[in-house]
PDB file of all heavy atoms in Angstrom:
ATOM      1  N   SER A   1     106.570 179.025 167.950  1.00  0.00           N
ATOM      2  CA  SER A   1     105.919 179.570 166.773  1.00  0.00           C
ATOM      3  C   SER A   1     106.764 179.294 165.537  1.00  0.00           C
ATOM      4  O   SER A   1     107.991 179.349 165.573  1.00  0.00           O
ATOM      5  CB  SER A   1     105.724 181.081 166.924  1.00  0.00           C
ATOM      6  OG  SER A   1     105.268 181.651 165.706  1.00  0.00           O
ATOM      7  N   LYS A   2     106.099 178.983 164.435  1.00  0.00           N
ATOM      8  CA  LYS A   2     106.791 178.758 163.167  1.00  0.00           C
ATOM      9  C   LYS A   2     106.972 180.056 162.388  1.00  0.00           C
ATOM     10  O   LYS A   2     107.476 180.052 161.272  1.00  0.00           O
ATOM     11  CB  LYS A   2     106.000 177.766 162.316  1.00  0.00           C
ATOM     12  CG  LYS A   2     105.965 176.347 162.862  1.00  0.00           C
ATOM     13  CD  LYS A   2     105.207 175.418 161.915  1.00  0.00           C
ATOM     14  CE  LYS A   2     105.214 173.987 162.392  1.00  0.00           C
ATOM     15  NZ  LYS A   2     104.495 173.081 161.460  1.00  0.00           N
ATOM     16  N   GLY A   3     106.574 181.171 162.980  1.00  0.00           N
ATOM     17  CA  GLY A   3     106.670 182.450 162.294  1.00  0.00           C
ATOM     18  C   GLY A   3     108.076 183.005 162.248  1.00  0.00           C
ATOM     19  O   GLY A   3     109.005 182.460 162.853  1.00  0.00           O
ATOM     20  N   SER A   4     108.193 184.138 161.544  1.00  0.00           N
ATOM     21  CA  SER A   4     109.469 184.834 161.421  1.00  0.00           C
ATOM     22  C   SER A   4     109.527 185.973 162.429  1.00  0.00           C
ATOM     23  O   SER A   4     108.739 186.923 162.342  1.00  0.00           O
ATOM     24  CB  SER A   4     109.633 185.387 160.000  1.00  0.00           C
ATOM     25  OG  SER A   4     110.658 186.347 159.939  1.00  0.00           O
ATOM     26  N   ALA A   5     110.476 185.894 163.364  1.00  0.00           N
ATOM     27  CA  ALA A   5     110.608 186.944 164.366  1.00  0.00           C
ATOM     28  C   ALA A   5     111.000 188.274 163.735  1.00  0.00           C
ATOM     29  O   ALA A   5     110.569 189.340 164.186  1.00  0.00           O
ATOM     30  CB  ALA A   5     111.634 186.528 165.420  1.00  0.00           C
ATOM     31  N   ALA A   6     111.797 188.225 162.671  1.00  0.00           N
ATOM     32  CA  ALA A   6     112.218 189.451 161.996  1.00  0.00           C
ATOM     33  C   ALA A   6     111.020 190.187 161.402  1.00  0.00           C
ATOM     34  O   ALA A   6     110.880 191.408 161.545  1.00  0.00           O
ATOM     35  CB  ALA A   6     113.244 189.131 160.913  1.00  0.00           C
ATOM     36  N   LYS A   7     110.153 189.454 160.717  1.00  0.00           N
ATOM     37  CA  LYS A   7     108.938 190.073 160.188  1.00  0.00           C
ATOM     38  C   LYS A   7     108.021 190.493 161.334  1.00  0.00           C
ATOM     39  O   LYS A   7     107.375 191.541 161.281  1.00  0.00           O
ATOM     40  CB  LYS A   7     108.204 189.087 159.280  1.00  0.00           C
ATOM     41  CG  LYS A   7     108.916 188.769 157.980  1.00  0.00           C
ATOM     42  CD  LYS A   7     108.089 187.775 157.164  1.00  0.00           C
ATOM     43  CE  LYS A   7     108.758 187.423 155.853  1.00  0.00           C
ATOM     44  NZ  LYS A   7     107.954 186.423 155.090  1.00  0.00           N
ATOM     45  N   GLY A   8     107.974 189.668 162.364  1.00  0.00           N
ATOM     46  CA  GLY A   8     107.098 189.943 163.489  1.00  0.00           C
ATOM     47  C   GLY A   8     107.429 191.227 164.216  1.00  0.00           C
ATOM     48  O   GLY A   8     106.542 191.890 164.754  1.00  0.00           O
ATOM     49  N   GLU A   9     108.706 191.603 164.231  1.00  0.00           N
ATOM     50  CA  GLU A   9     109.099 192.853 164.889  1.00  0.00           C
ATOM     51  C   GLU A   9     108.423 194.049 164.238  1.00  0.00           C
ATOM     52  O   GLU A   9     107.932 194.950 164.915  1.00  0.00           O
ATOM     53  CB  GLU A   9     110.617 193.012 164.851  1.00  0.00           C
ATOM     54  CG  GLU A   9     111.097 194.267 165.552  1.00  0.00           C
ATOM     55  CD  GLU A   9     112.605 194.386 165.595  1.00  0.00           C
ATOM     56  OE1 GLU A   9     113.284 193.601 164.898  1.00  0.00           O
ATOM     57  OE2 GLU A   9     113.110 195.267 166.329  1.00  0.00           O
ATOM     58  N   VAL A  10     108.380 194.046 162.904  1.00  0.00           N
ATOM     59  CA  VAL A  10     107.735 195.142 162.181  1.00  0.00           C
ATOM     60  C   VAL A  10     106.243 195.169 162.478  1.00  0.00           C
ATOM     61  O   VAL A  10     105.667 196.225 162.767  1.00  0.00           O
ATOM     62  CB  VAL A  10     107.964 194.994 160.658  1.00  0.00           C
ATOM     63  CG1 VAL A  10     107.242 196.098 159.893  1.00  0.00           C
ATOM     64  CG2 VAL A  10     109.447 195.009 160.344  1.00  0.00           C
ATOM     65  N   TYR A  11     105.601 194.007 162.421  1.00  0.00           N
ATOM     66  CA  TYR A  11     104.163 193.940 162.690  1.00  0.00           C
ATOM     67  C   TYR A  11     103.868 194.352 164.136  1.00  0.00           C
ATOM     68  O   TYR A  11     102.917 195.084 164.405  1.00  0.00           O
ATOM     69  CB  TYR A  11     103.645 192.519 162.452  1.00  0.00           C
ATOM     70  CG  TYR A  11     103.764 192.035 161.035  1.00  0.00           C
ATOM     71  CD1 TYR A  11     104.187 190.724 160.763  1.00  0.00           C
ATOM     72  CD2 TYR A  11     103.457 192.856 159.957  1.00  0.00           C
ATOM     73  CE1 TYR A  11     104.291 190.263 159.458  1.00  0.00           C
ATOM     74  CE2 TYR A  11     103.562 192.403 158.652  1.00  0.00           C
ATOM     75  CZ  TYR A  11     103.985 191.103 158.411  1.00  0.00           C
ATOM     76  OH  TYR A  11     104.091 190.656 157.122  1.00  0.00           O
ATOM     77  N   PHE A  12     104.689 193.873 165.068  1.00  0.00           N
ATOM     78  CA  PHE A  12     104.469 194.190 166.480  1.00  0.00           C
ATOM     79  C   PHE A  12     104.559 195.693 166.719  1.00  0.00           C
ATOM     80  O   PHE A  12     103.701 196.284 167.389  1.00  0.00           O
ATOM     81  CB  PHE A  12     105.490 193.458 167.351  1.00  0.00           C
ATOM     82  CG  PHE A  12     105.326 193.740 168.821  1.00  0.00           C
ATOM     83  CD1 PHE A  12     104.448 192.992 169.596  1.00  0.00           C
ATOM     84  CD2 PHE A  12     106.033 194.765 169.432  1.00  0.00           C
ATOM     85  CE1 PHE A  12     104.276 193.262 170.952  1.00  0.00           C
ATOM     86  CE2 PHE A  12     105.873 195.046 170.789  1.00  0.00           C
ATOM     87  CZ  PHE A  12     104.997 194.292 171.549  1.00  0.00           C
ATOM     88  N   ASN A  13     105.593 196.316 166.153  1.00  0.00           N
ATOM     89  CA  ASN A  13     105.808 197.740 166.402  1.00  0.00           C
ATOM     90  C   ASN A  13     104.721 198.616 165.798  1.00  0.00           C
ATOM     91  O   ASN A  13     104.476 199.730 166.282  1.00  0.00           O
ATOM     92  CB  ASN A  13     107.178 198.165 165.865  1.00  0.00           C
ATOM     93  CG  ASN A  13     108.313 197.631 166.715  1.00  0.00           C
ATOM     94  OD1 ASN A  13     108.140 197.352 167.899  1.00  0.00           O
ATOM     95  ND2 ASN A  13     109.488 197.472 166.115  1.00  0.00           N
ATOM     96  N   THR A  14     104.052 198.130 164.748  1.00  0.00           N
ATOM     97  CA  THR A  14     103.014 198.927 164.103  1.00  0.00           C
ATOM     98  C   THR A  14     101.602 198.546 164.534  1.00  0.00           C
ATOM     99  O   THR A  14     100.685 199.364 164.423  1.00  0.00           O
ATOM    100  CB  THR A  14     103.105 198.810 162.569  1.00  0.00           C
ATOM    101  OG1 THR A  14     103.092 197.429 162.198  1.00  0.00           O
ATOM    102  CG2 THR A  14     104.380 199.457 162.059  1.00  0.00           C
ATOM    103  N   LEU A  15     101.407 197.328 165.045  1.00  0.00           N
ATOM    104  CA  LEU A  15     100.068 196.860 165.411  1.00  0.00           C
ATOM    105  C   LEU A  15      99.856 196.707 166.918  1.00  0.00           C
ATOM    106  O   LEU A  15      98.745 196.907 167.409  1.00  0.00           O
ATOM    107  CB  LEU A  15      99.780 195.504 164.748  1.00  0.00           C
ATOM    108  CG  LEU A  15      99.622 195.484 163.232  1.00  0.00           C
ATOM    109  CD1 LEU A  15      99.594 194.040 162.726  1.00  0.00           C
ATOM    110  CD2 LEU A  15      98.355 196.213 162.809  1.00  0.00           C
ATOM    111  N   CYS A  16     100.894 196.371 167.631  1.00  0.00           N
ATOM    112  CA  CYS A  16     100.730 195.944 169.026  1.00  0.00           C
ATOM    113  C   CYS A  16     101.362 196.883 170.056  1.00  0.00           C
ATOM    114  O   CYS A  16     100.850 197.031 171.173  1.00  0.00           O
ATOM    115  CB  CYS A  16     101.316 194.547 169.228  1.00  0.00           C
ATOM    116  SG  CYS A  16     100.823 193.337 167.997  1.00  0.00           S
ATOM    117  N   ALA A  17     102.503 197.490 169.697  1.00  0.00           N
ATOM    118  CA  ALA A  17     103.283 198.238 170.680  1.00  0.00           C
ATOM    119  C   ALA A  17     102.551 199.451 171.228  1.00  0.00           C
ATOM    120  O   ALA A  17     102.806 199.867 172.365  1.00  0.00           O
ATOM    121  CB  ALA A  17     104.617 198.667 170.072  1.00  0.00           C
ATOM    122  N   VAL A  18     101.618 200.012 170.458  1.00  0.00           N
ATOM    123  CA  VAL A  18     100.910 201.202 170.926  1.00  0.00           C
ATOM    124  C   VAL A  18     100.141 200.917 172.215  1.00  0.00           C
ATOM    125  O   VAL A  18     100.014 201.790 173.080  1.00  0.00           O
ATOM    126  CB  VAL A  18      99.964 201.745 169.821  1.00  0.00           C
ATOM    127  CG1 VAL A  18      98.839 200.761 169.517  1.00  0.00           C
ATOM    128  CG2 VAL A  18      99.387 203.093 170.230  1.00  0.00           C
ATOM    129  N   CYS A  19      99.646 199.701 172.387  1.00  0.00           N
ATOM    130  CA  CYS A  19      98.936 199.327 173.619  1.00  0.00           C
ATOM    131  C   CYS A  19      99.831 198.542 174.578  1.00  0.00           C
ATOM    132  O   CYS A  19      99.809 198.769 175.789  1.00  0.00           O
ATOM    133  CB  CYS A  19      97.696 198.500 173.294  1.00  0.00           C
ATOM    134  SG  CYS A  19      96.379 199.426 172.475  1.00  0.00           S
ATOM    135  N   HIS A  20     100.603 197.598 174.028  1.00  0.00           N
ATOM    136  CA  HIS A  20     101.406 196.717 174.874  1.00  0.00           C
ATOM    137  C   HIS A  20     102.770 197.305 175.233  1.00  0.00           C
ATOM    138  O   HIS A  20     103.436 196.799 176.137  1.00  0.00           O
ATOM    139  CB  HIS A  20     101.606 195.365 174.175  1.00  0.00           C
ATOM    140  CG  HIS A  20     100.375 194.522 174.154  1.00  0.00           C
ATOM    141  ND1 HIS A  20      99.945 193.789 175.238  1.00  0.00           N
ATOM    142  CD2 HIS A  20      99.462 194.295 173.168  1.00  0.00           C
ATOM    143  CE1 HIS A  20      98.839 193.139 174.933  1.00  0.00           C
ATOM    144  NE2 HIS A  20      98.516 193.427 173.692  1.00  0.00           N
ATOM    145  N   GLY A  21     103.173 198.357 174.521  1.00  0.00           N
ATOM    146  CA  GLY A  21     104.481 198.943 174.755  1.00  0.00           C
ATOM    147  C   GLY A  21     105.558 198.196 173.995  1.00  0.00           C
ATOM    148  O   GLY A  21     105.407 197.014 173.695  1.00  0.00           O
ATOM    149  N   PRO A  22     106.664 198.869 173.695  1.00  0.00           N
ATOM    150  CA  PRO A  22     107.750 198.225 172.945  1.00  0.00           C
ATOM    151  C   PRO A  22     108.315 196.991 173.641  1.00  0.00           C
ATOM    152  O   PRO A  22     108.832 196.091 172.989  1.00  0.00           O
ATOM    153  CB  PRO A  22     108.811 199.328 172.845  1.00  0.00           C
ATOM    154  CG  PRO A  22     108.063 200.601 173.014  1.00  0.00           C
ATOM    155  CD  PRO A  22     106.952 200.289 173.967  1.00  0.00           C
ATOM    156  N   ASP A  23     108.210 196.970 174.987  1.00  0.00           N
ATOM    157  CA  ASP A  23     108.735 195.821 175.733  1.00  0.00           C
ATOM    158  C   ASP A  23     107.662 194.788 176.072  1.00  0.00           C
ATOM    159  O   ASP A  23     107.939 193.783 176.720  1.00  0.00           O
ATOM    160  CB  ASP A  23     109.428 196.281 177.012  1.00  0.00           C
ATOM    161  CG  ASP A  23     108.469 196.992 177.980  1.00  0.00           C
ATOM    162  OD1 ASP A  23     107.284 197.207 177.621  1.00  0.00           O
ATOM    163  OD2 ASP A  23     108.915 197.341 179.091  1.00  0.00           O
ATOM    164  N   GLY A  24     106.410 195.053 175.654  1.00  0.00           N
ATOM    165  CA  GLY A  24     105.326 194.112 175.921  1.00  0.00           C
ATOM    166  C   GLY A  24     104.829 194.099 177.342  1.00  0.00           C
ATOM    167  O   GLY A  24     104.077 193.199 177.736  1.00  0.00           O
ATOM    168  N   LYS A  25     105.188 195.124 178.123  1.00  0.00           N
ATOM    169  CA  LYS A  25     104.827 195.146 179.548  1.00  0.00           C
ATOM    170  C   LYS A  25     103.857 196.266 179.921  1.00  0.00           C
ATOM    171  O   LYS A  25     103.532 196.442 181.087  1.00  0.00           O
ATOM    172  CB  LYS A  25     106.085 195.302 180.399  1.00  0.00           C
ATOM    173  CG  LYS A  25     107.003 194.093 180.400  1.00  0.00           C
ATOM    174  CD  LYS A  25     108.144 194.287 181.392  1.00  0.00           C
ATOM    175  CE  LYS A  25     108.976 193.025 181.539  1.00  0.00           C
ATOM    176  NZ  LYS A  25     110.033 193.194 182.567  1.00  0.00           N
ATOM    177  N   LYS A  26     103.386 197.015 178.932  1.00  0.00           N
ATOM    178  CA  LYS A  26     102.586 198.204 179.229  1.00  0.00           C
ATOM    179  C   LYS A  26     101.205 197.875 179.782  1.00  0.00           C
ATOM    180  O   LYS A  26     100.676 198.595 180.639  1.00  0.00           O
ATOM    181  CB  LYS A  26     102.456 199.055 177.972  1.00  0.00           C
ATOM    182  CG  LYS A  26     101.776 200.388 178.183  1.00  0.00           C
ATOM    183  CD  LYS A  26     101.766 201.191 176.889  1.00  0.00           C
ATOM    184  CE  LYS A  26     101.035 202.513 177.059  1.00  0.00           C
ATOM    185  NZ  LYS A  26     101.015 203.295 175.791  1.00  0.00           N
ATOM    186  N   VAL A  27     100.595 196.776 179.309  1.00  0.00           N
ATOM    187  CA  VAL A  27      99.259 196.404 179.778  1.00  0.00           C
ATOM    188  C   VAL A  27      99.393 195.704 181.125  1.00  0.00           C
ATOM    189  O   VAL A  27      99.956 194.602 181.217  1.00  0.00           O
ATOM    190  CB  VAL A  27      98.548 195.492 178.761  1.00  0.00           C
ATOM    191  CG1 VAL A  27      97.180 195.056 179.298  1.00  0.00           C
ATOM    192  CG2 VAL A  27      98.372 196.223 177.430  1.00  0.00           C
ATOM    193  N   SER A  28      98.872 196.326 182.171  1.00  0.00           N
ATOM    194  CA  SER A  28      99.075 195.812 183.528  1.00  0.00           C
ATOM    195  C   SER A  28      98.073 194.742 183.926  1.00  0.00           C
ATOM    196  O   SER A  28      98.246 194.080 184.955  1.00  0.00           O
ATOM    197  CB  SER A  28      98.994 196.972 184.533  1.00  0.00           C
ATOM    198  OG  SER A  28      97.711 197.593 184.476  1.00  0.00           O
ATOM    199  N   THR A  29      97.026 194.530 183.112  1.00  0.00           N
ATOM    200  CA  THR A  29      95.987 193.562 183.484  1.00  0.00           C
ATOM    201  C   THR A  29      96.338 192.138 183.069  1.00  0.00           C
ATOM    202  O   THR A  29      95.605 191.205 183.376  1.00  0.00           O
ATOM    203  CB  THR A  29      94.638 193.954 182.850  1.00  0.00           C
ATOM    204  OG1 THR A  29      94.813 194.101 181.440  1.00  0.00           O
ATOM    205  CG2 THR A  29      94.133 195.273 183.438  1.00  0.00           C
ATOM    206  N   GLY A  30      97.428 191.956 182.364  1.00  0.00           N
ATOM    207  CA  GLY A  30      97.833 190.618 181.942  1.00  0.00           C
ATOM    208  C   GLY A  30      99.331 190.437 182.102  1.00  0.00           C
ATOM    209  O   GLY A  30     100.056 191.385 182.424  1.00  0.00           O
ATOM    210  N   MET A  31      99.802 189.225 181.881  1.00  0.00           N
ATOM    211  CA  MET A  31     101.230 188.969 182.003  1.00  0.00           C
ATOM    212  C   MET A  31     101.993 189.634 180.871  1.00  0.00           C
ATOM    213  O   MET A  31     101.430 189.883 179.790  1.00  0.00           O
ATOM    214  CB  MET A  31     101.503 187.461 182.014  1.00  0.00           C
ATOM    215  CG  MET A  31     101.207 186.744 180.707  1.00  0.00           C
ATOM    216  SD  MET A  31     101.689 184.989 180.725  1.00  0.00           S
ATOM    217  CE  MET A  31     100.535 184.323 181.932  1.00  0.00           C
ATOM    218  N   PRO A  32     103.269 189.988 181.074  1.00  0.00           N
ATOM    219  CA  PRO A  32     104.080 190.548 179.992  1.00  0.00           C
ATOM    220  C   PRO A  32     104.085 189.611 178.790  1.00  0.00           C
ATOM    221  O   PRO A  32     104.056 188.389 178.946  1.00  0.00           O
ATOM    222  CB  PRO A  32     105.477 190.644 180.622  1.00  0.00           C
ATOM    223  CG  PRO A  32     105.232 190.696 182.098  1.00  0.00           C
ATOM    224  CD  PRO A  32     104.024 189.847 182.329  1.00  0.00           C
ATOM    225  N   LEU A  33     104.121 190.176 177.599  1.00  0.00           N
ATOM    226  CA  LEU A  33     104.052 189.348 176.403  1.00  0.00           C
ATOM    227  C   LEU A  33     105.264 188.428 176.267  1.00  0.00           C
ATOM    228  O   LEU A  33     105.157 187.348 175.696  1.00  0.00           O
ATOM    229  CB  LEU A  33     103.916 190.226 175.166  1.00  0.00           C
ATOM    230  CG  LEU A  33     102.601 191.003 175.042  1.00  0.00           C
ATOM    231  CD1 LEU A  33     102.542 191.724 173.706  1.00  0.00           C
ATOM    232  CD2 LEU A  33     101.401 190.090 175.203  1.00  0.00           C
ATOM    233  N   GLY A  34     106.412 188.857 176.812  1.00  0.00           N
ATOM    234  CA  GLY A  34     107.576 187.981 176.791  1.00  0.00           C
ATOM    235  C   GLY A  34     107.336 186.715 177.587  1.00  0.00           C
ATOM    236  O   GLY A  34     107.791 185.629 177.213  1.00  0.00           O
ATOM    237  N   GLN A  35     106.567 186.839 178.659  1.00  0.00           N
ATOM    238  CA  GLN A  35     106.200 185.667 179.466  1.00  0.00           C
ATOM    239  C   GLN A  35     105.102 184.865 178.778  1.00  0.00           C
ATOM    240  O   GLN A  35     105.138 183.632 178.745  1.00  0.00           O
ATOM    241  CB  GLN A  35     105.737 186.129 180.855  1.00  0.00           C
ATOM    242  CG  GLN A  35     105.368 185.010 181.804  1.00  0.00           C
ATOM    243  CD  GLN A  35     104.924 185.537 183.171  1.00  0.00           C
ATOM    244  OE1 GLN A  35     105.130 186.714 183.490  1.00  0.00           O
ATOM    245  NE2 GLN A  35     104.319 184.690 183.962  1.00  0.00           N
ATOM    246  N   ALA A  36     104.152 185.569 178.195  1.00  0.00           N
ATOM    247  CA  ALA A  36     103.046 184.901 177.500  1.00  0.00           C
ATOM    248  C   ALA A  36     103.526 184.123 176.288  1.00  0.00           C
ATOM    249  O   ALA A  36     102.869 183.172 175.854  1.00  0.00           O
ATOM    250  CB  ALA A  36     101.998 185.934 177.081  1.00  0.00           C
ATOM    251  N   SER A  37     104.693 184.496 175.758  1.00  0.00           N
ATOM    252  CA  SER A  37     105.211 183.809 174.580  1.00  0.00           C
ATOM    253  C   SER A  37     105.538 182.342 174.850  1.00  0.00           C
ATOM    254  O   SER A  37     105.764 181.578 173.910  1.00  0.00           O
ATOM    255  CB  SER A  37     106.464 184.521 174.055  1.00  0.00           C
ATOM    256  OG  SER A  37     107.554 184.386 174.959  1.00  0.00           O
ATOM    257  N   ASP A  38     105.559 181.962 176.128  1.00  0.00           N
ATOM    258  CA  ASP A  38     105.756 180.551 176.464  1.00  0.00           C
ATOM    259  C   ASP A  38     104.526 179.718 176.111  1.00  0.00           C
ATOM    260  O   ASP A  38     104.568 178.490 176.191  1.00  0.00           O
ATOM    261  CB  ASP A  38     106.061 180.395 177.957  1.00  0.00           C
ATOM    262  CG  ASP A  38     107.430 180.941 178.341  1.00  0.00           C
ATOM    263  OD1 ASP A  38     108.287 181.075 177.441  1.00  0.00           O
ATOM    264  OD2 ASP A  38     107.642 181.250 179.526  1.00  0.00           O
TER     265      ASP A  38
END
C-alpha cells in the first residue's frame, strides 16, 4: 500500500477496530487482517 501507516492507525482505531478488534482478529469468519494485508 502507498498509504501512511501512521495515519491509518488513527482511522483503523476509530472506523475498523470496533468490529475487527485492535489486533484485527476479532471477526472469526475471515482471515486476520494482518494476514489479509498481504
